[in-house]
Full PDB file with SEQRES, HELIX, SHEET, SSBOND, CRYST1, ORIGX, SCALE, CONECT and MASTER records, all heavy atoms in Angstrom:
SEQRES   1 A   41  CYS MET SER THR VAL ALA GLU ALA LEU GLN GLY CYS ARG          
SEQRES   2 A   41  VAL GLN ALA LEU GLY VAL MET ARG TYR VAL ALA VAL ALA          
SEQRES   3 A   41  SER PRO GLY PHE LEU ALA ALA GLN LEU PRO GLU GLY LEU          
SEQRES   4 A   41  HIS ALA                                                      
HELIX    1 AA1 PRO A   28  GLN A   34  1                                   7    
CRYST1    1.000    1.000    1.000  90.00  90.00  90.00 P 1           1          
ORIGX1      1.000000  0.000000  0.000000        0.00000                         
ORIGX2      0.000000  1.000000  0.000000        0.00000                         
ORIGX3      0.000000  0.000000  1.000000        0.00000                         
SCALE1      1.000000  0.000000  0.000000        0.00000                         
SCALE2      0.000000  1.000000  0.000000        0.00000                         
SCALE3      0.000000  0.000000  1.000000        0.00000                         
ATOM      1  N   CYS A   1     -37.796   0.973   3.793  1.00  0.00           N  
ATOM      2  CA  CYS A   1     -37.650   2.439   3.777  1.00  0.00           C  
ATOM      3  C   CYS A   1     -37.003   2.928   5.078  1.00  0.00           C  
ATOM      4  O   CYS A   1     -37.146   2.298   6.128  1.00  0.00           O  
ATOM      5  CB  CYS A   1     -38.991   3.132   3.574  1.00  0.00           C  
ATOM      6  SG  CYS A   1     -40.098   3.118   4.993  1.00  0.00           S  
ATOM      7  N   MET A   2     -36.332   4.052   4.996  1.00  0.00           N  
ATOM      8  CA  MET A   2     -35.897   4.790   6.163  1.00  0.00           C  
ATOM      9  C   MET A   2     -36.918   5.911   6.398  1.00  0.00           C  
ATOM     10  O   MET A   2     -37.261   6.639   5.499  1.00  0.00           O  
ATOM     11  CB  MET A   2     -34.493   5.414   5.894  1.00  0.00           C  
ATOM     12  CG  MET A   2     -33.373   4.376   5.895  1.00  0.00           C  
ATOM     13  SD  MET A   2     -31.832   5.089   5.339  1.00  0.00           S  
ATOM     14  CE  MET A   2     -31.742   6.556   6.366  1.00  0.00           C  
ATOM     15  N   SER A   3     -37.374   5.993   7.652  1.00  0.00           N  
ATOM     16  CA  SER A   3     -38.492   6.849   7.954  1.00  0.00           C  
ATOM     17  C   SER A   3     -38.378   7.421   9.344  1.00  0.00           C  
ATOM     18  O   SER A   3     -37.631   6.872  10.199  1.00  0.00           O  
ATOM     19  CB  SER A   3     -39.805   6.091   7.810  1.00  0.00           C  
ATOM     20  OG  SER A   3     -40.933   6.822   8.265  1.00  0.00           O  
ATOM     21  N   THR A   4     -39.104   8.494   9.616  1.00  0.00           N  
ATOM     22  CA  THR A   4     -39.206   9.005  10.986  1.00  0.00           C  
ATOM     23  C   THR A   4     -40.332   8.336  11.738  1.00  0.00           C  
ATOM     24  O   THR A   4     -40.512   8.562  12.946  1.00  0.00           O  
ATOM     25  CB  THR A   4     -39.446  10.526  10.959  1.00  0.00           C  
ATOM     26  OG1 THR A   4     -40.627  10.809  10.146  1.00  0.00           O  
ATOM     27  CG2 THR A   4     -38.260  11.285  10.393  1.00  0.00           C  
ATOM     28  N   VAL A   5     -41.120   7.506  11.055  1.00  0.00           N  
ATOM     29  CA  VAL A   5     -42.221   6.788  11.699  1.00  0.00           C  
ATOM     30  C   VAL A   5     -41.688   5.621  12.505  1.00  0.00           C  
ATOM     31  O   VAL A   5     -40.888   4.832  12.008  1.00  0.00           O  
ATOM     32  CB  VAL A   5     -43.237   6.272  10.643  1.00  0.00           C  
ATOM     33  CG1 VAL A   5     -44.346   5.497  11.307  1.00  0.00           C  
ATOM     34  CG2 VAL A   5     -43.792   7.466   9.851  1.00  0.00           C  
ATOM     35  N   ALA A   6     -42.075   5.536  13.755  1.00  0.00           N  
ATOM     36  CA  ALA A   6     -41.543   4.501  14.617  1.00  0.00           C  
ATOM     37  C   ALA A   6     -42.391   3.242  14.625  1.00  0.00           C  
ATOM     38  O   ALA A   6     -41.919   2.140  14.941  1.00  0.00           O  
ATOM     39  CB  ALA A   6     -41.457   5.013  16.059  1.00  0.00           C  
ATOM     40  N   GLU A   7     -43.670   3.330  14.243  1.00  0.00           N  
ATOM     41  CA  GLU A   7     -44.598   2.173  14.282  1.00  0.00           C  
ATOM     42  C   GLU A   7     -44.548   1.400  13.011  1.00  0.00           C  
ATOM     43  O   GLU A   7     -44.598   1.968  11.921  1.00  0.00           O  
ATOM     44  CB  GLU A   7     -46.023   2.682  14.570  1.00  0.00           C  
ATOM     45  CG  GLU A   7     -47.041   1.558  14.726  1.00  0.00           C  
ATOM     46  CD  GLU A   7     -48.400   2.073  15.064  1.00  0.00           C  
ATOM     47  OE1 GLU A   7     -48.532   3.286  15.310  1.00  0.00           O  
ATOM     48  OE2 GLU A   7     -49.364   1.289  15.040  1.00  0.00           O  
ATOM     49  N   ALA A   8     -44.458   0.079  13.122  1.00  0.00           N  
ATOM     50  CA  ALA A   8     -44.354  -0.790  11.960  1.00  0.00           C  
ATOM     51  C   ALA A   8     -45.723  -1.035  11.353  1.00  0.00           C  
ATOM     52  O   ALA A   8     -46.749  -1.142  12.054  1.00  0.00           O  
ATOM     53  CB  ALA A   8     -43.719  -2.133  12.339  1.00  0.00           C  
ATOM     54  N   LEU A   9     -45.779  -1.140  10.004  1.00  0.00           N  
ATOM     55  CA  LEU A   9     -46.996  -1.570   9.326  1.00  0.00           C  
ATOM     56  C   LEU A   9     -47.204  -3.057   9.601  1.00  0.00           C  
ATOM     57  O   LEU A   9     -46.272  -3.786   9.892  1.00  0.00           O  
ATOM     58  CB  LEU A   9     -46.847  -1.359   7.809  1.00  0.00           C  
ATOM     59  CG  LEU A   9     -46.799   0.070   7.269  1.00  0.00           C  
ATOM     60  CD1 LEU A   9     -46.453   0.062   5.815  1.00  0.00           C  
ATOM     61  CD2 LEU A   9     -48.131   0.761   7.495  1.00  0.00           C  
ATOM     62  N   GLN A  10     -48.452  -3.499   9.470  1.00  0.00           N  
ATOM     63  CA  GLN A  10     -48.738  -4.933   9.610  1.00  0.00           C  
ATOM     64  C   GLN A  10     -47.978  -5.693   8.529  1.00  0.00           C  
ATOM     65  O   GLN A  10     -48.039  -5.359   7.349  1.00  0.00           O  
ATOM     66  CB  GLN A  10     -50.221  -5.178   9.494  1.00  0.00           C  
ATOM     67  CG  GLN A  10     -50.610  -6.637   9.739  1.00  0.00           C  
ATOM     68  CD  GLN A  10     -52.117  -6.828   9.698  1.00  0.00           C  
ATOM     69  OE1 GLN A  10     -52.879  -5.911   9.545  1.00  0.00           O  
ATOM     70  NE2 GLN A  10     -52.538  -8.089   9.858  1.00  0.00           N  
ATOM     71  N   GLY A  11     -47.249  -6.732   8.949  1.00  0.00           N  
ATOM     72  CA  GLY A  11     -46.450  -7.499   8.018  1.00  0.00           C  
ATOM     73  C   GLY A  11     -45.053  -6.987   7.843  1.00  0.00           C  
ATOM     74  O   GLY A  11     -44.261  -7.542   7.085  1.00  0.00           O  
ATOM     75  N   CYS A  12     -44.713  -5.914   8.547  1.00  0.00           N  
ATOM     76  CA  CYS A  12     -43.366  -5.310   8.477  1.00  0.00           C  
ATOM     77  C   CYS A  12     -42.707  -5.393   9.830  1.00  0.00           C  
ATOM     78  O   CYS A  12     -43.342  -5.609  10.872  1.00  0.00           O  
ATOM     79  CB  CYS A  12     -43.445  -3.863   8.032  1.00  0.00           C  
ATOM     80  SG  CYS A  12     -43.927  -3.616   6.311  1.00  0.00           S  
ATOM     81  N   ARG A  13     -41.420  -5.194   9.838  1.00  0.00           N  
ATOM     82  CA  ARG A  13     -40.713  -4.997  11.093  1.00  0.00           C  
ATOM     83  C   ARG A  13     -39.893  -3.720  11.012  1.00  0.00           C  
ATOM     84  O   ARG A  13     -39.578  -3.234   9.920  1.00  0.00           O  
ATOM     85  CB  ARG A  13     -39.810  -6.190  11.411  1.00  0.00           C  
ATOM     86  CG  ARG A  13     -38.600  -6.399  10.536  1.00  0.00           C  
ATOM     87  CD  ARG A  13     -37.708  -7.461  11.182  1.00  0.00           C  
ATOM     88  NE  ARG A  13     -36.515  -7.734  10.435  1.00  0.00           N  
ATOM     89  CZ  ARG A  13     -36.369  -8.784   9.611  1.00  0.00           C  
ATOM     90  NH1 ARG A  13     -37.377  -9.601   9.437  1.00  0.00           N  
ATOM     91  NH2 ARG A  13     -35.237  -8.949   8.956  1.00  0.00           N  
ATOM     92  N   VAL A  14     -39.596  -3.168  12.164  1.00  0.00           N  
ATOM     93  CA  VAL A  14     -38.935  -1.872  12.244  1.00  0.00           C  
ATOM     94  C   VAL A  14     -37.746  -1.941  13.171  1.00  0.00           C  
ATOM     95  O   VAL A  14     -37.754  -2.703  14.157  1.00  0.00           O  
ATOM     96  CB  VAL A  14     -39.922  -0.788  12.716  1.00  0.00           C  
ATOM     97  CG1 VAL A  14     -40.444  -1.084  14.101  1.00  0.00           C  
ATOM     98  CG2 VAL A  14     -39.295   0.600  12.715  1.00  0.00           C  
ATOM     99  N   GLN A  15     -36.706  -1.167  12.862  1.00  0.00           N  
ATOM    100  CA  GLN A  15     -35.490  -1.104  13.663  1.00  0.00           C  
ATOM    101  C   GLN A  15     -35.033   0.326  13.768  1.00  0.00           C  
ATOM    102  O   GLN A  15     -34.963   1.027  12.761  1.00  0.00           O  
ATOM    103  CB  GLN A  15     -34.391  -1.956  13.004  1.00  0.00           C  
ATOM    104  CG  GLN A  15     -33.067  -1.949  13.773  1.00  0.00           C  
ATOM    105  CD  GLN A  15     -32.010  -2.808  13.097  1.00  0.00           C  
ATOM    106  OE1 GLN A  15     -32.239  -3.344  11.997  1.00  0.00           O  
ATOM    107  NE2 GLN A  15     -30.872  -2.977  13.716  1.00  0.00           N  
ATOM    108  N   ALA A  16     -34.709   0.780  14.994  1.00  0.00           N  
ATOM    109  CA  ALA A  16     -34.199   2.123  15.174  1.00  0.00           C  
ATOM    110  C   ALA A  16     -32.775   2.183  14.594  1.00  0.00           C  
ATOM    111  O   ALA A  16     -31.959   1.316  14.865  1.00  0.00           O  
ATOM    112  CB  ALA A  16     -34.186   2.493  16.630  1.00  0.00           C  
ATOM    113  N   LEU A  17     -32.512   3.248  13.838  1.00  0.00           N  
ATOM    114  CA  LEU A  17     -31.184   3.443  13.221  1.00  0.00           C  
ATOM    115  C   LEU A  17     -30.320   4.433  14.047  1.00  0.00           C  
ATOM    116  O   LEU A  17     -29.123   4.204  14.203  1.00  0.00           O  
ATOM    117  CB  LEU A  17     -31.310   3.943  11.795  1.00  0.00           C  
ATOM    118  CG  LEU A  17     -31.931   2.968  10.789  1.00  0.00           C  
ATOM    119  CD1 LEU A  17     -32.106   3.638   9.444  1.00  0.00           C  
ATOM    120  CD2 LEU A  17     -31.098   1.714  10.653  1.00  0.00           C  
ATOM    121  N   GLY A  18     -30.918   5.504  14.474  1.00  0.00           N  
ATOM    122  CA  GLY A  18     -30.156   6.538  15.195  1.00  0.00           C  
ATOM    123  C   GLY A  18     -30.777   7.902  14.929  1.00  0.00           C  
ATOM    124  O   GLY A  18     -31.889   8.004  14.374  1.00  0.00           O  
ATOM    125  N   VAL A  19     -30.057   8.921  15.311  1.00  0.00           N  
ATOM    126  CA  VAL A  19     -30.561  10.276  15.235  1.00  0.00           C  
ATOM    127  C   VAL A  19     -29.639  11.131  14.387  1.00  0.00           C  
ATOM    128  O   VAL A  19     -28.434  11.149  14.587  1.00  0.00           O  
ATOM    129  CB  VAL A  19     -30.680  10.918  16.643  1.00  0.00           C  
ATOM    130  CG1 VAL A  19     -31.072  12.377  16.552  1.00  0.00           C  
ATOM    131  CG2 VAL A  19     -31.716  10.135  17.466  1.00  0.00           C  
ATOM    132  N   MET A  20     -30.222  11.812  13.380  1.00  0.00           N  
ATOM    133  CA  MET A  20     -29.478  12.803  12.619  1.00  0.00           C  
ATOM    134  C   MET A  20     -29.768  14.176  13.245  1.00  0.00           C  
ATOM    135  O   MET A  20     -30.917  14.560  13.372  1.00  0.00           O  
ATOM    136  CB  MET A  20     -29.879  12.804  11.153  1.00  0.00           C  
ATOM    137  CG  MET A  20     -29.383  11.620  10.374  1.00  0.00           C  
ATOM    138  SD  MET A  20     -29.570  11.801   8.543  1.00  0.00           S  
ATOM    139  CE  MET A  20     -28.237  12.967   8.189  1.00  0.00           C  
ATOM    140  N   ARG A  21     -28.707  14.882  13.620  1.00  0.00           N  
ATOM    141  CA  ARG A  21     -28.856  16.182  14.210  1.00  0.00           C  
ATOM    142  C   ARG A  21     -28.659  17.261  13.162  1.00  0.00           C  
ATOM    143  O   ARG A  21     -27.684  17.258  12.424  1.00  0.00           O  
ATOM    144  CB  ARG A  21     -27.867  16.387  15.345  1.00  0.00           C  
ATOM    145  CG  ARG A  21     -28.041  17.682  16.122  1.00  0.00           C  
ATOM    146  CD  ARG A  21     -27.195  17.703  17.364  1.00  0.00           C  
ATOM    147  NE  ARG A  21     -27.343  18.908  18.125  1.00  0.00           N  
ATOM    148  CZ  ARG A  21     -28.363  19.181  18.998  1.00  0.00           C  
ATOM    149  NH1 ARG A  21     -29.266  18.268  19.184  1.00  0.00           N  
ATOM    150  NH2 ARG A  21     -28.408  20.303  19.661  1.00  0.00           N  
ATOM    151  N   TYR A  22     -29.635  18.176  13.070  1.00  0.00           N  
ATOM    152  CA  TYR A  22     -29.576  19.269  12.101  1.00  0.00           C  
ATOM    153  C   TYR A  22     -29.220  20.568  12.829  1.00  0.00           C  
ATOM    154  O   TYR A  22     -29.790  20.880  13.872  1.00  0.00           O  
ATOM    155  CB  TYR A  22     -30.928  19.397  11.409  1.00  0.00           C  
ATOM    156  CG  TYR A  22     -31.217  18.346  10.405  1.00  0.00           C  
ATOM    157  CD1 TYR A  22     -31.486  17.057  10.782  1.00  0.00           C  
ATOM    158  CD2 TYR A  22     -31.166  18.626   9.026  1.00  0.00           C  
ATOM    159  CE1 TYR A  22     -31.723  16.051   9.842  1.00  0.00           C  
ATOM    160  CE2 TYR A  22     -31.420  17.608   8.085  1.00  0.00           C  
ATOM    161  CZ  TYR A  22     -31.678  16.344   8.509  1.00  0.00           C  
ATOM    162  OH  TYR A  22     -31.924  15.344   7.590  1.00  0.00           O  
ATOM    163  N   VAL A  23     -28.258  21.313  12.277  1.00  0.00           N  
ATOM    164  CA  VAL A  23     -27.804  22.532  12.879  1.00  0.00           C  
ATOM    165  C   VAL A  23     -27.910  23.690  11.848  1.00  0.00           C  
ATOM    166  O   VAL A  23     -27.935  23.426  10.638  1.00  0.00           O  
ATOM    167  CB  VAL A  23     -26.363  22.411  13.387  1.00  0.00           C  
ATOM    168  CG1 VAL A  23     -26.264  21.387  14.504  1.00  0.00           C  
ATOM    169  CG2 VAL A  23     -25.418  22.047  12.228  1.00  0.00           C  
ATOM    170  N   ALA A  24     -27.983  24.900  12.362  1.00  0.00           N  
ATOM    171  CA  ALA A  24     -28.065  26.081  11.476  1.00  0.00           C  
ATOM    172  C   ALA A  24     -26.673  26.577  11.149  1.00  0.00           C  
ATOM    173  O   ALA A  24     -25.818  26.700  12.042  1.00  0.00           O  
ATOM    174  CB  ALA A  24     -28.887  27.189  12.135  1.00  0.00           C  
ATOM    175  N   VAL A  25     -26.443  26.888   9.882  1.00  0.00           N  
ATOM    176  CA  VAL A  25     -25.142  27.369   9.430  1.00  0.00           C  
ATOM    177  C   VAL A  25     -25.320  28.481   8.415  1.00  0.00           C  
ATOM    178  O   VAL A  25     -26.375  28.588   7.770  1.00  0.00           O  
ATOM    179  CB  VAL A  25     -24.286  26.237   8.803  1.00  0.00           C  
ATOM    180  CG1 VAL A  25     -23.856  25.202   9.836  1.00  0.00           C  
ATOM    181  CG2 VAL A  25     -25.056  25.567   7.649  1.00  0.00           C  
ATOM    182  N   ALA A  26     -24.308  29.284   8.272  1.00  0.00           N  
ATOM    183  CA  ALA A  26     -24.244  30.316   7.255  1.00  0.00           C  
ATOM    184  C   ALA A  26     -22.803  30.620   6.949  1.00  0.00           C  
ATOM    185  O   ALA A  26     -21.914  30.305   7.728  1.00  0.00           O  
ATOM    186  CB  ALA A  26     -25.002  31.592   7.697  1.00  0.00           C  
ATOM    187  N   SER A  27     -22.563  31.249   5.808  1.00  0.00           N  
ATOM    188  CA  SER A  27     -21.159  31.555   5.442  1.00  0.00           C  
ATOM    189  C   SER A  27     -20.748  32.823   6.198  1.00  0.00           C  
ATOM    190  O   SER A  27     -21.561  33.680   6.557  1.00  0.00           O  
ATOM    191  CB  SER A  27     -21.085  31.819   3.926  1.00  0.00           C  
ATOM    192  OG  SER A  27     -21.731  33.052   3.575  1.00  0.00           O  
ATOM    193  N   PRO A  28     -19.441  32.976   6.443  1.00  0.00           N  
ATOM    194  CA  PRO A  28     -18.912  34.177   7.097  1.00  0.00           C  
ATOM    195  C   PRO A  28     -19.302  35.450   6.334  1.00  0.00           C  
ATOM    196  O   PRO A  28     -19.639  36.457   6.955  1.00  0.00           O  
ATOM    197  CB  PRO A  28     -17.423  33.975   7.129  1.00  0.00           C  
ATOM    198  CG  PRO A  28     -17.244  32.501   7.076  1.00  0.00           C  
ATOM    199  CD  PRO A  28     -18.355  31.977   6.209  1.00  0.00           C  
ATOM    200  N   GLY A  29     -19.237  35.395   5.020  1.00  0.00           N  
ATOM    201  CA  GLY A  29     -19.603  36.590   4.208  1.00  0.00           C  
ATOM    202  C   GLY A  29     -21.071  36.959   4.361  1.00  0.00           C  
ATOM    203  O   GLY A  29     -21.403  38.137   4.464  1.00  0.00           O  
ATOM    204  N   PHE A  30     -21.945  35.935   4.409  1.00  0.00           N  
ATOM    205  CA  PHE A  30     -23.365  36.221   4.546  1.00  0.00           C  
ATOM    206  C   PHE A  30     -23.632  36.836   5.931  1.00  0.00           C  
ATOM    207  O   PHE A  30     -24.391  37.795   6.050  1.00  0.00           O  
ATOM    208  CB  PHE A  30     -24.168  34.902   4.408  1.00  0.00           C  
ATOM    209  CG  PHE A  30     -25.657  35.081   4.620  1.00  0.00           C  
ATOM    210  CD1 PHE A  30     -26.479  35.490   3.588  1.00  0.00           C  
ATOM    211  CD2 PHE A  30     -26.246  34.848   5.855  1.00  0.00           C  
ATOM    212  CE1 PHE A  30     -27.826  35.655   3.771  1.00  0.00           C  
ATOM    213  CE2 PHE A  30     -27.616  35.006   6.059  1.00  0.00           C  
ATOM    214  CZ  PHE A  30     -28.403  35.397   4.989  1.00  0.00           C  
ATOM    215  N   LEU A  31     -22.983  36.293   6.943  1.00  0.00           N  
ATOM    216  CA  LEU A  31     -23.189  36.861   8.287  1.00  0.00           C  
ATOM    217  C   LEU A  31     -22.691  38.288   8.378  1.00  0.00           C  
ATOM    218  O   LEU A  31     -23.363  39.163   8.985  1.00  0.00           O  
ATOM    219  CB  LEU A  31     -22.471  35.979   9.319  1.00  0.00           C  
ATOM    220  CG  LEU A  31     -23.026  34.569   9.500  1.00  0.00           C  
ATOM    221  CD1 LEU A  31     -22.135  33.762  10.463  1.00  0.00           C  
ATOM    222  CD2 LEU A  31     -24.452  34.606  10.009  1.00  0.00           C  
ATOM    223  N   ALA A  32     -21.552  38.571   7.778  1.00  0.00           N  
ATOM    224  CA  ALA A  32     -20.997  39.963   7.834  1.00  0.00           C  
ATOM    225  C   ALA A  32     -21.888  40.946   7.107  1.00  0.00           C  
ATOM    226  O   ALA A  32     -22.102  42.040   7.556  1.00  0.00           O  
ATOM    227  CB  ALA A  32     -19.594  39.954   7.266  1.00  0.00           C  
ATOM    228  N   ALA A  33     -22.472  40.505   5.958  1.00  0.00           N  
ATOM    229  CA  ALA A  33     -23.243  41.410   5.153  1.00  0.00           C  
ATOM    230  C   ALA A  33     -24.717  41.514   5.614  1.00  0.00           C  
ATOM    231  O   ALA A  33     -25.290  42.606   5.584  1.00  0.00           O  
ATOM    232  CB  ALA A  33     -23.198  40.983   3.682  1.00  0.00           C  
ATOM    233  N   GLN A  34     -25.289  40.384   6.019  1.00  0.00           N  
ATOM    234  CA  GLN A  34     -26.741  40.346   6.299  1.00  0.00           C  
ATOM    235  C   GLN A  34     -27.056  40.295   7.799  1.00  0.00           C  
ATOM    236  O   GLN A  34     -28.106  40.807   8.211  1.00  0.00           O  
ATOM    237  CB  GLN A  34     -27.344  39.135   5.630  1.00  0.00           C  
ATOM    238  CG  GLN A  34     -27.147  39.041   4.127  1.00  0.00           C  
ATOM    239  CD  GLN A  34     -27.891  40.140   3.394  1.00  0.00           C  
ATOM    240  OE1 GLN A  34     -28.978  40.557   3.824  1.00  0.00           O  
ATOM    241  NE2 GLN A  34     -27.345  40.611   2.286  1.00  0.00           N  
ATOM    242  N   LEU A  35     -26.188  39.737   8.604  1.00  0.00           N  
ATOM    243  CA  LEU A  35     -26.483  39.551  10.031  1.00  0.00           C  
ATOM    244  C   LEU A  35     -25.289  39.980  10.900  1.00  0.00           C  
ATOM    245  O   LEU A  35     -24.723  39.175  11.638  1.00  0.00           O  
ATOM    246  CB  LEU A  35     -26.820  38.071  10.301  1.00  0.00           C  
ATOM    247  CG  LEU A  35     -28.044  37.491   9.574  1.00  0.00           C  
ATOM    248  CD1 LEU A  35     -28.127  35.991   9.793  1.00  0.00           C  
ATOM    249  CD2 LEU A  35     -29.331  38.167  10.059  1.00  0.00           C  
ATOM    250  N   PRO A  36     -24.891  41.241  10.774  1.00  0.00           N  
ATOM    251  CA  PRO A  36     -23.725  41.683  11.560  1.00  0.00           C  
ATOM    252  C   PRO A  36     -23.911  41.572  13.070  1.00  0.00           C  
ATOM    253  O   PRO A  36     -22.948  41.403  13.832  1.00  0.00           O  
ATOM    254  CB  PRO A  36     -23.534  43.130  11.142  1.00  0.00           C  
ATOM    255  CG  PRO A  36     -24.880  43.577  10.628  1.00  0.00           C  
ATOM    256  CD  PRO A  36     -25.471  42.341  10.008  1.00  0.00           C  
ATOM    257  N   GLU A  37     -25.189  41.614  13.515  1.00  0.00           N  
ATOM    258  CA  GLU A  37     -25.494  41.449  14.936  1.00  0.00           C  
ATOM    259  C   GLU A  37     -25.920  40.017  15.293  1.00  0.00           C  
ATOM    260  O   GLU A  37     -26.306  39.762  16.428  1.00  0.00           O  
ATOM    261  CB  GLU A  37     -26.584  42.441  15.345  1.00  0.00           C  
ATOM    262  CG  GLU A  37     -26.187  43.895  15.150  1.00  0.00           C  
ATOM    263  CD  GLU A  37     -27.328  44.846  15.543  1.00  0.00           C  
ATOM    264  OE1 GLU A  37     -28.405  44.342  15.936  1.00  0.00           O  
ATOM    265  OE2 GLU A  37     -27.134  46.066  15.451  1.00  0.00           O  
ATOM    266  N   GLY A  38     -25.812  39.114  14.314  1.00  0.00           N  
ATOM    267  CA  GLY A  38     -26.216  37.753  14.522  1.00  0.00           C  
ATOM    268  C   GLY A  38     -27.685  37.523  14.221  1.00  0.00           C  
ATOM    269  O   GLY A  38     -28.452  38.479  14.052  1.00  0.00           O  
ATOM    270  N   LEU A  39     -28.083  36.288  14.199  1.00  0.00           N  
ATOM    271  CA  LEU A  39     -29.487  35.931  13.973  1.00  0.00           C  
ATOM    272  C   LEU A  39     -30.189  35.946  15.314  1.00  0.00           C  
ATOM    273  O   LEU A  39     -29.786  35.307  16.283  1.00  0.00           O  
ATOM    274  CB  LEU A  39     -29.567  34.533  13.347  1.00  0.00           C  
ATOM    275  CG  LEU A  39     -30.960  34.031  12.958  1.00  0.00           C  
ATOM    276  CD1 LEU A  39     -31.514  34.856  11.799  1.00  0.00           C  
ATOM    277  CD2 LEU A  39     -30.890  32.550  12.535  1.00  0.00           C  
ATOM    278  N   HIS A  40     -31.308  36.660  15.377  1.00  0.00           N  
ATOM    279  CA  HIS A  40     -32.048  36.751  16.624  1.00  0.00           C  
ATOM    280  C   HIS A  40     -33.534  36.867  16.356  1.00  0.00           C  
ATOM    281  O   HIS A  40     -33.976  36.885  15.199  1.00  0.00           O  
ATOM    282  CB  HIS A  40     -31.554  37.937  17.495  1.00  0.00           C  
ATOM    283  CG  HIS A  40     -31.516  39.244  16.765  1.00  0.00           C  
ATOM    284  ND1 HIS A  40     -32.636  39.975  16.466  1.00  0.00           N  
ATOM    285  CD2 HIS A  40     -30.467  39.968  16.246  1.00  0.00           C  
ATOM    286  CE1 HIS A  40     -32.309  41.073  15.822  1.00  0.00           C  
ATOM    287  NE2 HIS A  40     -30.996  41.097  15.685  1.00  0.00           N  
ATOM    288  N   ALA A  41     -34.309  36.927  17.441  1.00  0.00           N  
ATOM    289  CA  ALA A  41     -35.771  36.960  17.292  1.00  0.00           C  
ATOM    290  C   ALA A  41     -36.286  38.119  16.502  1.00  0.00           C  
ATOM    291  O   ALA A  41     -37.377  38.067  15.929  1.00  0.00           O  
ATOM    292  CB  ALA A  41     -36.400  36.913  18.692  1.00  0.00           C  
TER     293      ALA A  41                                                      
MASTER        0    0    0    1    0    0    0    6  292    1    0    4          
END                                                                             
């Protein structure tokens, strides 16, 4: 399995694969209609 868990189960071995970076996105139309001042607190 691919997992975020770093510790191996007994009888298993584990190998680091890398990091997937997640970013926030929206369509230009959604931003113009719903967030004209941008997303903020």
